[in-house]
C-alpha atoms as a PDB file:
ATOM      1  CA  MET A   1      96.288 -33.238 -11.768  1.00  0.00           C
ATOM      2  CA  LEU A   2      93.639 -31.346  -9.787  1.00  0.00           C
ATOM      3  CA  LEU A   3      93.643 -31.687  -6.005  1.00  0.00           C
ATOM      4  CA  ASP A   4      90.499 -31.318  -3.929  1.00  0.00           C
ATOM      5  CA  THR A   5      92.768 -29.817  -1.312  1.00  0.00           C
ATOM      6  CA  ALA A   6      90.368 -29.619   1.635  1.00  0.00           C
ATOM      7  CA  SER A   7      89.343 -33.236   1.121  1.00  0.00           C
ATOM      8  CA  LEU A   8      92.997 -34.265   1.248  1.00  0.00           C
ATOM      9  CA  TYR A   9      94.115 -32.180   4.219  1.00  0.00           C
ATOM     10  CA  PHE A  10      90.998 -33.296   6.110  1.00  0.00           C
ATOM     11  CA  ARG A  11      92.056 -36.906   5.557  1.00  0.00           C
ATOM     12  CA  ALA A  12      95.620 -36.033   6.505  1.00  0.00           C
ATOM     13  CA  TYR A  13      94.400 -34.403   9.720  1.00  0.00           C
ATOM     14  CA  PHE A  14      92.718 -37.614  10.833  1.00  0.00           C
ATOM     15  CA  GLY A  15      95.431 -39.874   9.419  1.00  0.00           C
ATOM     16  CA  VAL A  16      98.472 -38.254  11.030  1.00  0.00           C
ATOM     17  CA  PRO A  17      98.677 -38.069  14.848  1.00  0.00           C
ATOM     18  CA  GLU A  18      97.990 -34.671  16.398  1.00  0.00           C
ATOM     19  CA  SER A  19     101.202 -35.176  18.376  1.00  0.00           C
ATOM     20  CA  VAL A  20     103.014 -33.952  15.233  1.00  0.00           C
ATOM     21  CA  LYS A  21     103.578 -30.348  16.299  1.00  0.00           C
ATOM     22  CA  ALA A  22     105.564 -27.216  15.618  1.00  0.00           C
ATOM     23  CA  PRO A  23     108.156 -26.037  18.184  1.00  0.00           C
ATOM     24  CA  ASP A  24     105.519 -23.766  19.776  1.00  0.00           C
ATOM     25  CA  GLY A  25     103.169 -26.725  20.295  1.00  0.00           C
ATOM     26  CA  THR A  26     100.813 -25.979  17.387  1.00  0.00           C
ATOM     27  CA  PRO A  27      99.602 -29.202  15.719  1.00  0.00           C
ATOM     28  CA  VAL A  28     100.796 -29.453  12.118  1.00  0.00           C
ATOM     29  CA  ASN A  29      99.577 -32.969  11.323  1.00  0.00           C
ATOM     30  CA  ALA A  30      97.362 -31.785   8.446  1.00  0.00           C
ATOM     31  CA  VAL A  31     100.210 -29.741   6.947  1.00  0.00           C
ATOM     32  CA  ARG A  32     102.728 -32.566   7.152  1.00  0.00           C
ATOM     33  CA  GLY A  33     100.203 -35.138   5.961  1.00  0.00           C
ATOM     34  CA  LEU A  34      99.190 -33.078   2.929  1.00  0.00           C
ATOM     35  CA  LEU A  35     102.835 -32.590   1.904  1.00  0.00           C
ATOM     36  CA  GLU A  36     103.325 -36.353   2.137  1.00  0.00           C
ATOM     37  CA  PHE A  37     100.185 -36.934   0.059  1.00  0.00           C
ATOM     38  CA  ILE A  38     101.406 -34.563  -2.659  1.00  0.00           C
ATOM     39  CA  GLU A  39     104.858 -36.178  -2.678  1.00  0.00           C
ATOM     40  CA  ARG A  40     103.341 -39.625  -3.184  1.00  0.00           C
ATOM     41  CA  LEU A  41     100.963 -38.404  -5.900  1.00  0.00           C
ATOM     42  CA  VAL A  42     103.764 -36.701  -7.821  1.00  0.00           C
ATOM     43  CA  ARG A  43     106.082 -39.678  -7.443  1.00  0.00           C
ATOM     44  CA  ASP A  44     103.485 -42.240  -8.507  1.00  0.00           C
ATOM     45  CA  HIS A  45     101.666 -40.325 -11.255  1.00  0.00           C
ATOM     46  CA  ARG A  46     104.195 -37.731 -12.513  1.00  0.00           C
ATOM     47  CA  PRO A  47     101.730 -35.040 -13.578  1.00  0.00           C
ATOM     48  CA  ALA A  48     103.046 -32.317 -15.877  1.00  0.00           C
ATOM     49  CA  ARG A  49     100.727 -29.786 -14.214  1.00  0.00           C
ATOM     50  CA  LEU A  50      99.204 -29.673 -10.766  1.00  0.00           C
ATOM     51  CA  VAL A  51      96.669 -27.331  -9.146  1.00  0.00           C
ATOM     52  CA  ALA A  52      95.652 -27.305  -5.492  1.00  0.00           C
ATOM     53  CA  CYS A  53      91.981 -26.297  -5.722  1.00  0.00           C
ATOM     54  CA  MET A  54      90.594 -24.530  -2.655  1.00  0.00           C
ATOM     55  CA  ASP A  55      87.195 -23.798  -1.091  1.00  0.00           C
ATOM     56  CA  ALA A  56      86.886 -20.010  -1.183  1.00  0.00           C
ATOM     57  CA  ASP A  57      83.258 -20.562  -0.149  1.00  0.00           C
ATOM     58  CA  TRP A  58      82.291 -24.010   1.119  1.00  0.00           C
ATOM     59  CA  ARG A  59      78.552 -23.132   1.202  1.00  0.00           C
ATOM     60  CA  PRO A  60      77.828 -20.685  -1.638  1.00  0.00           C
ATOM     61  CA  GLU A  61      74.748 -18.534  -1.156  1.00  0.00           C
ATOM     62  CA  TRP A  62      73.486 -19.310  -4.666  1.00  0.00           C
ATOM     63  CA  ARG A  63      73.258 -22.995  -3.736  1.00  0.00           C
ATOM     64  CA  VAL A  64      71.617 -22.242  -0.369  1.00  0.00           C
ATOM     65  CA  GLU A  65      68.983 -20.059  -2.061  1.00  0.00           C
ATOM     66  CA  LEU A  66      67.943 -23.047  -4.161  1.00  0.00           C
ATOM     67  CA  ILE A  67      68.092 -25.651  -1.369  1.00  0.00           C
ATOM     68  CA  PRO A  68      68.208 -24.024   2.098  1.00  0.00           C
ATOM     69  CA  SER A  69      69.202 -27.300   3.774  1.00  0.00           C
ATOM     70  CA  TYR A  70      72.425 -27.426   1.730  1.00  0.00           C
ATOM     71  CA  LYS A  71      75.206 -28.123   4.279  1.00  0.00           C
ATOM     72  CA  ALA A  72      73.040 -26.473   6.960  1.00  0.00           C
ATOM     73  CA  HIS A  73      73.916 -29.125   9.534  1.00  0.00           C
ATOM     74  CA  ARG A  74      77.594 -28.224   9.191  1.00  0.00           C
ATOM     75  CA  VAL A  75      76.786 -24.657  10.208  1.00  0.00           C
ATOM     76  CA  ALA A  76      74.963 -26.017  13.252  1.00  0.00           C
ATOM     77  CA  GLU A  77      77.966 -28.184  14.118  1.00  0.00           C
ATOM     78  CA  GLU A  78      80.145 -25.078  14.271  1.00  0.00           C
ATOM     79  CA  ARG A  79      78.091 -23.533  17.083  1.00  0.00           C
ATOM     80  CA  THR A  80      79.778 -22.682  20.371  1.00  0.00           C
ATOM     81  CA  ALA A  81      79.535 -25.347  23.046  1.00  0.00           C
ATOM     82  CA  GLY A  82      76.810 -24.875  25.653  1.00  0.00           C
ATOM     83  CA  PRO A  83      77.464 -24.162  29.328  1.00  0.00           C
ATOM     84  CA  ASP A  84      77.424 -27.839  30.254  1.00  0.00           C
ATOM     85  CA  GLU A  85      79.575 -28.969  27.338  1.00  0.00           C
ATOM     86  CA  GLU A  86      83.316 -29.125  26.959  1.00  0.00           C
ATOM     87  CA  GLU A  87      84.396 -27.071  23.962  1.00  0.00           C
ATOM     88  CA  VAL A  88      86.637 -29.116  21.676  1.00  0.00           C
ATOM     89  CA  PRO A  89      89.412 -26.917  20.296  1.00  0.00           C
ATOM     90  CA  ASP A  90      89.608 -26.579  16.521  1.00  0.00           C
ATOM     91  CA  THR A  91      93.127 -27.604  15.600  1.00  0.00           C
ATOM     92  CA  LEU A  92      92.521 -28.007  11.863  1.00  0.00           C
ATOM     93  CA  SER A  93      91.436 -24.515  10.760  1.00  0.00           C
ATOM     94  CA  PRO A  94      94.617 -22.819  12.054  1.00  0.00           C
ATOM     95  CA  GLN A  95      96.647 -25.141   9.834  1.00  0.00           C
ATOM     96  CA  VAL A  96      94.963 -24.011   6.609  1.00  0.00           C
ATOM     97  CA  PRO A  97      96.860 -20.678   6.321  1.00  0.00           C
ATOM     98  CA  ILE A  98     100.095 -22.599   6.902  1.00  0.00           C
ATOM     99  CA  ILE A  99      99.204 -24.998   4.086  1.00  0.00           C
ATOM    100  CA  GLU A 100      98.475 -22.062   1.783  1.00  0.00           C
ATOM    101  CA  ALA A 101     101.753 -20.324   2.633  1.00  0.00           C
ATOM    102  CA  VAL A 102     103.783 -23.505   2.075  1.00  0.00           C
ATOM    103  CA  LEU A 103     102.148 -24.235  -1.287  1.00  0.00           C
ATOM    104  CA  ASP A 104     102.794 -20.643  -2.389  1.00  0.00           C
ATOM    105  CA  ALA A 105     106.445 -20.764  -1.347  1.00  0.00           C
ATOM    106  CA  LEU A 106     106.863 -24.078  -3.149  1.00  0.00           C
ATOM    107  CA  GLY A 107     105.340 -22.638  -6.314  1.00  0.00           C
ATOM    108  CA  ILE A 108     102.506 -25.166  -6.461  1.00  0.00           C
ATOM    109  CA  ALA A 109      99.535 -23.429  -8.094  1.00  0.00           C
ATOM    110  CA  ARG A 110      96.704 -22.769  -5.638  1.00  0.00           C
ATOM    111  CA  VAL A 111      93.287 -21.576  -6.823  1.00  0.00           C
ATOM    112  CA  GLY A 112      90.146 -20.607  -4.948  1.00  0.00           C
ATOM    113  CA  VAL A 113      87.480 -18.293  -6.363  1.00  0.00           C
ATOM    114  CA  ALA A 114      85.060 -16.219  -4.284  1.00  0.00           C
ATOM    115  CA  GLY A 115      81.536 -17.604  -4.324  1.00  0.00           C
ATOM    116  CA  TYR A 116      82.578 -21.097  -5.393  1.00  0.00           C
ATOM    117  CA  GLU A 117      83.598 -24.399  -3.872  1.00  0.00           C
ATOM    118  CA  ALA A 118      86.732 -26.289  -4.838  1.00  0.00           C
ATOM    119  CA  ASP A 119      84.489 -28.713  -6.759  1.00  0.00           C
ATOM    120  CA  ASP A 120      83.460 -25.853  -9.039  1.00  0.00           C
ATOM    121  CA  VAL A 121      87.071 -24.830  -9.625  1.00  0.00           C
ATOM    122  CA  ILE A 122      87.893 -28.438 -10.452  1.00  0.00           C
ATOM    123  CA  GLY A 123      84.905 -28.682 -12.791  1.00  0.00           C
ATOM    124  CA  THR A 124      85.935 -25.574 -14.713  1.00  0.00           C
ATOM    125  CA  PHE A 125      89.580 -26.610 -15.027  1.00  0.00           C
ATOM    126  CA  THR A 126      88.413 -30.024 -16.224  1.00  0.00           C
ATOM    127  CA  VAL A 127      86.159 -28.773 -19.017  1.00  0.00           C
ATOM    128  CA  ARG A 128      88.872 -26.378 -20.186  1.00  0.00           C
ATOM    129  CA  ALA A 129      91.661 -28.970 -20.148  1.00  0.00           C
ATOM    130  CA  GLU A 130      93.130 -29.945 -23.494  1.00  0.00           C
ATOM    131  CA  GLY A 131      94.513 -33.256 -22.294  1.00  0.00           C
ATOM    132  CA  PRO A 132      93.842 -35.998 -19.718  1.00  0.00           C
ATOM    133  CA  VAL A 133      92.911 -34.973 -16.178  1.00  0.00           C
ATOM    134  CA  ASP A 134      93.343 -36.800 -12.883  1.00  0.00           C
ATOM    135  CA  ILE A 135      91.132 -35.458 -10.075  1.00  0.00           C
ATOM    136  CA  VAL A 136      92.267 -36.457  -6.589  1.00  0.00           C
ATOM    137  CA  THR A 137      89.388 -36.338  -4.106  1.00  0.00           C
ATOM    138  CA  GLY A 138      87.621 -38.214  -1.375  1.00  0.00           C
ATOM    139  CA  ASP A 139      84.325 -36.644  -2.498  1.00  0.00           C
ATOM    140  CA  ARG A 140      82.168 -38.854  -4.697  1.00  0.00           C
ATOM    141  CA  ASP A 141      80.320 -35.801  -6.063  1.00  0.00           C
ATOM    142  CA  LEU A 142      83.189 -35.345  -8.510  1.00  0.00           C
ATOM    143  CA  TYR A 143      82.453 -38.700 -10.141  1.00  0.00           C
ATOM    144  CA  GLN A 144      80.151 -36.650 -12.382  1.00  0.00           C
ATOM    145  CA  LEU A 145      83.267 -35.372 -14.215  1.00  0.00           C
ATOM    146  CA  VAL A 146      84.530 -38.835 -15.183  1.00  0.00           C
ATOM    147  CA  ASP A 147      84.752 -39.031 -18.967  1.00  0.00           C
ATOM    148  CA  ASP A 148      86.658 -41.806 -20.735  1.00  0.00           C
ATOM    149  CA  ALA A 149      86.563 -40.028 -24.083  1.00  0.00           C
ATOM    150  CA  ARG A 150      88.427 -37.045 -22.638  1.00  0.00           C
ATOM    151  CA  GLY A 151      90.675 -39.043 -20.313  1.00  0.00           C
ATOM    152  CA  VAL A 152      89.124 -37.639 -17.133  1.00  0.00           C
ATOM    153  CA  ARG A 153      89.227 -39.951 -14.141  1.00  0.00           C
ATOM    154  CA  VAL A 154      88.936 -39.601 -10.361  1.00  0.00           C
ATOM    155  CA  LEU A 155      91.649 -40.930  -8.068  1.00  0.00           C
ATOM    156  CA  TYR A 156      89.689 -41.757  -4.917  1.00  0.00           C
ATOM    157  CA  PRO A 157      91.797 -42.458  -1.802  1.00  0.00           C
ATOM    158  CA  ILE A 158      90.981 -45.764  -0.149  1.00  0.00           C
ATOM    159  CA  LYS A 159      93.793 -45.525   2.393  1.00  0.00           C
ATOM    160  CA  GLY A 160      96.045 -42.493   2.316  1.00  0.00           C
ATOM    161  CA  VAL A 161      96.993 -41.805  -1.280  1.00  0.00           C
ATOM    162  CA  GLY A 162      99.094 -44.917  -1.706  1.00  0.00           C
ATOM    163  CA  ASN A 163      95.940 -46.942  -2.305  1.00  0.00           C
ATOM    164  CA  LEU A 164      93.760 -45.123  -4.831  1.00  0.00           C
ATOM    165  CA  GLN A 165      90.661 -46.282  -6.654  1.00  0.00           C
ATOM    166  CA  LEU A 166      91.221 -45.232 -10.271  1.00  0.00           C
ATOM    167  CA  THR A 167      87.644 -44.347 -11.132  1.00  0.00           C
ATOM    168  CA  ASP A 168      86.703 -44.445 -14.796  1.00  0.00           C
ATOM    169  CA  GLU A 169      83.354 -45.095 -16.476  1.00  0.00           C
ATOM    170  CA  ALA A 170      83.706 -48.874 -16.123  1.00  0.00           C
ATOM    171  CA  VAL A 171      84.077 -48.513 -12.352  1.00  0.00           C
ATOM    172  CA  LEU A 172      81.057 -46.207 -12.171  1.00  0.00           C
ATOM    173  CA  ARG A 173      78.901 -48.566 -14.200  1.00  0.00           C
ATOM    174  CA  GLU A 174      79.960 -51.503 -12.028  1.00  0.00           C
ATOM    175  CA  LYS A 175      79.387 -49.693  -8.728  1.00  0.00           C
ATOM    176  CA  TYR A 176      76.443 -47.434  -9.532  1.00  0.00           C
ATOM    177  CA  GLY A 177      75.014 -48.485 -12.897  1.00  0.00           C
ATOM    178  CA  VAL A 178      75.628 -45.051 -14.458  1.00  0.00           C
ATOM    179  CA  ASP A 179      78.407 -43.220 -16.263  1.00  0.00           C
ATOM    180  CA  GLY A 180      79.881 -39.867 -15.252  1.00  0.00           C
ATOM    181  CA  ALA A 181      77.130 -37.860 -16.927  1.00  0.00           C
ATOM    182  CA  GLY A 182      74.472 -39.900 -15.141  1.00  0.00           C
ATOM    183  CA  TYR A 183      76.019 -39.529 -11.700  1.00  0.00           C
ATOM    184  CA  VAL A 184      74.424 -36.098 -11.085  1.00  0.00           C
ATOM    185  CA  ASP A 185      70.936 -37.533 -11.632  1.00  0.00           C
ATOM    186  CA  LEU A 186      71.731 -40.517  -9.416  1.00  0.00           C
ATOM    187  CA  ALA A 187      73.107 -38.298  -6.645  1.00  0.00           C
ATOM    188  CA  LEU A 188      70.189 -35.882  -6.532  1.00  0.00           C
ATOM    189  CA  LEU A 189      67.569 -38.644  -6.625  1.00  0.00           C
ATOM    190  CA  ARG A 190      69.367 -40.627  -3.921  1.00  0.00           C
ATOM    191  CA  GLY A 191      70.129 -37.557  -1.815  1.00  0.00           C
ATOM    192  CA  ASP A 192      73.146 -36.987   0.379  1.00  0.00           C
ATOM    193  CA  PRO A 193      72.692 -36.343   4.115  1.00  0.00           C
ATOM    194  CA  SER A 194      76.307 -35.201   4.417  1.00  0.00           C
ATOM    195  CA  ASP A 195      75.518 -32.283   2.077  1.00  0.00           C
ATOM    196  CA  GLY A 196      71.970 -31.665   3.319  1.00  0.00           C
ATOM    197  CA  LEU A 197      70.404 -32.892   0.065  1.00  0.00           C
ATOM    198  CA  PRO A 198      67.080 -34.579   0.876  1.00  0.00           C
ATOM    199  CA  GLY A 199      66.739 -36.586  -2.324  1.00  0.00           C
ATOM    200  CA  VAL A 200      63.423 -38.139  -3.327  1.00  0.00           C
ATOM    201  CA  PRO A 201      61.976 -40.083  -0.376  1.00  0.00           C
ATOM    202  CA  GLY A 202      61.876 -43.806  -0.985  1.00  0.00           C
ATOM    203  CA  ILE A 203      64.242 -43.699  -3.961  1.00  0.00           C
ATOM    204  CA  GLY A 204      67.641 -45.011  -2.993  1.00  0.00           C
ATOM    205  CA  GLU A 205      70.742 -45.608  -5.060  1.00  0.00           C
ATOM    206  CA  LYS A 206      69.644 -48.844  -6.718  1.00  0.00           C
ATOM    207  CA  THR A 207      66.177 -47.576  -7.601  1.00  0.00           C
ATOM    208  CA  ALA A 208      67.647 -44.344  -8.949  1.00  0.00           C
ATOM    209  CA  ALA A 209      70.034 -46.314 -11.168  1.00  0.00           C
ATOM    210  CA  LYS A 210      67.161 -48.466 -12.475  1.00  0.00           C
ATOM    211  CA  LEU A 211      65.074 -45.400 -13.292  1.00  0.00           C
ATOM    212  CA  ILE A 212      67.989 -43.788 -15.150  1.00  0.00           C
ATOM    213  CA  ALA A 213      68.561 -47.015 -17.091  1.00  0.00           C
ATOM    214  CA  GLU A 214      64.870 -47.181 -17.970  1.00  0.00           C
ATOM    215  CA  PHE A 215      64.231 -43.536 -18.875  1.00  0.00           C
ATOM    216  CA  GLY A 216      67.697 -42.237 -19.806  1.00  0.00           C
ATOM    217  CA  ASP A 217      68.087 -39.257 -17.501  1.00  0.00           C
ATOM    218  CA  LEU A 218      66.260 -37.054 -15.018  1.00  0.00           C
ATOM    219  CA  ALA A 219      64.267 -35.293 -17.726  1.00  0.00           C
ATOM    220  CA  GLY A 220      63.137 -38.669 -19.065  1.00  0.00           C
ATOM    221  CA  ILE A 221      62.135 -39.808 -15.582  1.00  0.00           C
ATOM    222  CA  MET A 222      60.064 -36.685 -14.929  1.00  0.00           C
ATOM    223  CA  ALA A 223      58.438 -37.008 -18.363  1.00  0.00           C
ATOM    224  CA  ALA A 224      57.481 -40.548 -17.391  1.00  0.00           C
ATOM    225  CA  VAL A 225      55.796 -39.209 -14.257  1.00  0.00           C
ATOM    226  CA  ASP A 226      53.372 -37.349 -16.523  1.00  0.00           C
ATOM    227  CA  ASP A 227      52.854 -40.334 -18.823  1.00  0.00           C
ATOM    228  CA  PRO A 228      50.238 -42.751 -17.440  1.00  0.00           C
ATOM    229  CA  LYS A 229      51.613 -45.513 -19.688  1.00  0.00           C
ATOM    230  CA  ALA A 230      55.186 -45.237 -18.337  1.00  0.00           C
ATOM    231  CA  LYS A 231      56.437 -48.126 -16.239  1.00  0.00           C
ATOM    232  CA  LEU A 232      56.550 -46.458 -12.841  1.00  0.00           C
ATOM    233  CA  THR A 233      55.090 -47.956  -9.688  1.00  0.00           C
ATOM    234  CA  PRO A 234      52.301 -45.925  -8.077  1.00  0.00           C
ATOM    235  CA  SER A 235      54.636 -45.204  -5.155  1.00  0.00           C
ATOM    236  CA  GLN A 236      57.438 -43.959  -7.415  1.00  0.00           C
ATOM    237  CA  ARG A 237      55.060 -41.770  -9.396  1.00  0.00           C
ATOM    238  CA  LYS A 238      53.637 -40.271  -6.190  1.00  0.00           C
ATOM    239  CA  ARG A 239      57.008 -39.572  -4.604  1.00  0.00           C
ATOM    240  CA  LEU A 240      58.480 -38.042  -7.742  1.00  0.00           C
ATOM    241  CA  THR A 241      55.399 -35.879  -8.180  1.00  0.00           C
ATOM    242  CA  GLU A 242      55.597 -34.658  -4.596  1.00  0.00           C
ATOM    243  CA  SER A 243      59.338 -33.937  -5.023  1.00  0.00           C
ATOM    244  CA  ARG A 244      58.948 -32.003  -8.276  1.00  0.00           C
ATOM    245  CA  ALA A 245      59.981 -28.656  -6.735  1.00  0.00           C
ATOM    246  CA  TYR A 246      63.178 -30.208  -5.348  1.00  0.00           C
ATOM    247  CA  VAL A 247      63.937 -32.023  -8.612  1.00  0.00           C
ATOM    248  CA  GLU A 248      63.642 -28.787 -10.576  1.00  0.00           C
ATOM    249  CA  VAL A 249      66.343 -26.946  -8.585  1.00  0.00           C
ATOM    250  CA  ALA A 250      68.586 -29.802  -7.420  1.00  0.00           C
ATOM    251  CA  PRO A 251      70.546 -30.242 -10.676  1.00  0.00           C
ATOM    252  CA  LYS A 252      72.017 -26.734 -10.377  1.00  0.00           C
ATOM    253  CA  VAL A 253      73.033 -27.451  -6.778  1.00  0.00           C
ATOM    254  CA  VAL A 254      74.495 -30.919  -7.361  1.00  0.00           C
ATOM    255  CA  ARG A 255      76.170 -30.232 -10.705  1.00  0.00           C
ATOM    256  CA  VAL A 256      79.592 -28.599 -10.340  1.00  0.00           C
ATOM    257  CA  ALA A 257      79.981 -25.260 -12.082  1.00  0.00           C
ATOM    258  CA  HIS A 258      81.817 -25.189 -15.405  1.00  0.00           C
ATOM    259  CA  ASP A 259      82.054 -21.421 -15.764  1.00  0.00           C
ATOM    260  CA  VAL A 260      84.072 -20.236 -12.764  1.00  0.00           C
ATOM    261  CA  PRO A 261      86.148 -17.115 -13.591  1.00  0.00           C
ATOM    262  CA  LEU A 262      89.555 -18.712 -13.104  1.00  0.00           C
ATOM    263  CA  PRO A 263      92.677 -16.581 -12.710  1.00  0.00           C
ATOM    264  CA  GLU A 264      95.609 -16.911 -15.065  1.00  0.00           C
ATOM    265  CA  ILE A 265      98.112 -19.249 -13.414  1.00  0.00           C
ATOM    266  CA  ASP A 266     101.208 -21.281 -14.165  1.00  0.00           C
ATOM    267  CA  SER A 267     100.290 -24.810 -13.144  1.00  0.00           C
ATOM    268  CA  THR A 268     103.579 -26.349 -14.269  1.00  0.00           C
ATOM    269  CA  LEU A 269     104.994 -28.602 -11.592  1.00  0.00           C
ATOM    270  CA  PRO A 270     107.864 -26.633  -9.959  1.00  0.00           C
ATOM    271  CA  ARG A 271     111.331 -28.147  -9.992  1.00  0.00           C
ATOM    272  CA  GLU A 272     112.666 -25.679  -7.416  1.00  0.00           C
ATOM    273  CA  PRO A 273     110.792 -23.632  -4.773  1.00  0.00           C
ATOM    274  CA  ARG A 274     109.437 -20.283  -5.907  1.00  0.00           C
ATOM    275  CA  ASP A 275     110.630 -18.638  -2.678  1.00  0.00           C
ATOM    276  CA  ARG A 276     113.383 -20.622  -0.987  1.00  0.00           C
ATOM    277  CA  ALA A 277     113.881 -18.118   1.860  1.00  0.00           C
ATOM    278  CA  ALA A 278     110.178 -18.096   2.748  1.00  0.00           C
ATOM    279  CA  LEU A 279     110.025 -21.887   2.525  1.00  0.00           C
ATOM    280  CA  ASP A 280     113.048 -22.290   4.817  1.00  0.00           C
ATOM    281  CA  GLU A 281     111.437 -19.970   7.351  1.00  0.00           C
ATOM    282  CA  LEU A 282     108.152 -21.890   7.202  1.00  0.00           C
ATOM    283  CA  ALA A 283     109.966 -25.224   7.513  1.00  0.00           C
ATOM    284  CA  ALA A 284     111.775 -24.100  10.658  1.00  0.00           C
ATOM    285  CA  ARG A 285     108.783 -22.404  12.266  1.00  0.00           C
ATOM    286  CA  TRP A 286     106.347 -25.246  11.646  1.00  0.00           C
ATOM    287  CA  ASN A 287     108.658 -28.259  11.895  1.00  0.00           C
ATOM    288  CA  LEU A 288     107.978 -29.511   8.377  1.00  0.00           C
ATOM    289  CA  GLY A 289     111.042 -31.742   8.470  1.00  0.00           C
ATOM    290  CA  ASN A 290     111.237 -34.826   6.277  1.00  0.00           C
ATOM    291  CA  SER A 291     107.728 -34.306   4.858  1.00  0.00           C
ATOM    292  CA  LEU A 292     108.898 -31.189   3.040  1.00  0.00           C
ATOM    293  CA  HIS A 293     112.364 -32.551   2.291  1.00  0.00           C
ATOM    294  CA  ARG A 294     110.994 -35.623   0.511  1.00  0.00           C
ATOM    295  CA  LEU A 295     108.580 -33.503  -1.524  1.00  0.00           C
ATOM    296  CA  LEU A 296     111.396 -31.193  -2.639  1.00  0.00           C
ATOM    297  CA  LEU A 297     113.511 -34.183  -3.699  1.00  0.00           C
ATOM    298  CA  THR A 298     110.614 -35.665  -5.667  1.00  0.00           C
ATOM    299  CA  LEU A 299     109.768 -32.377  -7.386  1.00  0.00           C
ATOM    300  CA  ASN A 300     113.396 -31.943  -8.397  1.00  0.00           C
ATOM    301  CA  ALA A 301     113.546 -35.474  -9.797  1.00  0.00           C
ATOM    302  CA  VAL A 302     110.180 -35.487 -11.584  1.00  0.00           C
ATOM    303  CA  ALA A 303     109.378 -31.927 -12.665  1.00  0.00           C
END
């Protein structure tokens, strides 16, 4: 089981009230919520191995060099408030080091690699896996890794992690008209404003799926652009032609990396904490309470 950790603690942050605080008043809602998510995932799915995959770089320079707009709006959103604006305090970022320390004390494997996003870490673990893989994420970009033949599926949270969409190729074909391998082409043609990917103007999700069904993949679609006999509307041909520069670089940006230099780790689910003393100190300092207690009980029963 591979966790898109930031996706999960982000959901926890907005799903657990900020009134959940440590004794010093620091909000710990994301920490507590993530521990509860992991407890439920372990209890319901009983993975033999589990890795919390981290964003060591949420906006890698090599992606920005190819598409400068990649996540650019998120950088703008992080600007300091102006003189006439009230600055909203960031109460999520300070919780991330706490999450990391708790996972380490528990002995839950945690992996982030410089220059790569968590998606890339997940992609590399997935292609190297010898058995089935469950990817837990609220990010649809990882649908590209779904592969029935290898037993790779995405567990997409609908509400918390108690209600998960088990995403396999049948679900992808029903929802998007493509399989996992085709999802990259669909995503780059459609674009994604949340990631700063412009897409091809005028080609939305349904049109992209029809083009993939007709011509097989992105290469087939672009070959059709150069074939006057291919069944493309004049508008589609024009827009794809005008977007050729974007289409040439977008696959490398949208496709998750499969060659991240991963460290050697023990991803076996821990039965007992790796560092009980450190965990006890963290539990007291950050008021981890029943969230941590339930996770420890579940790990002891399942691992």
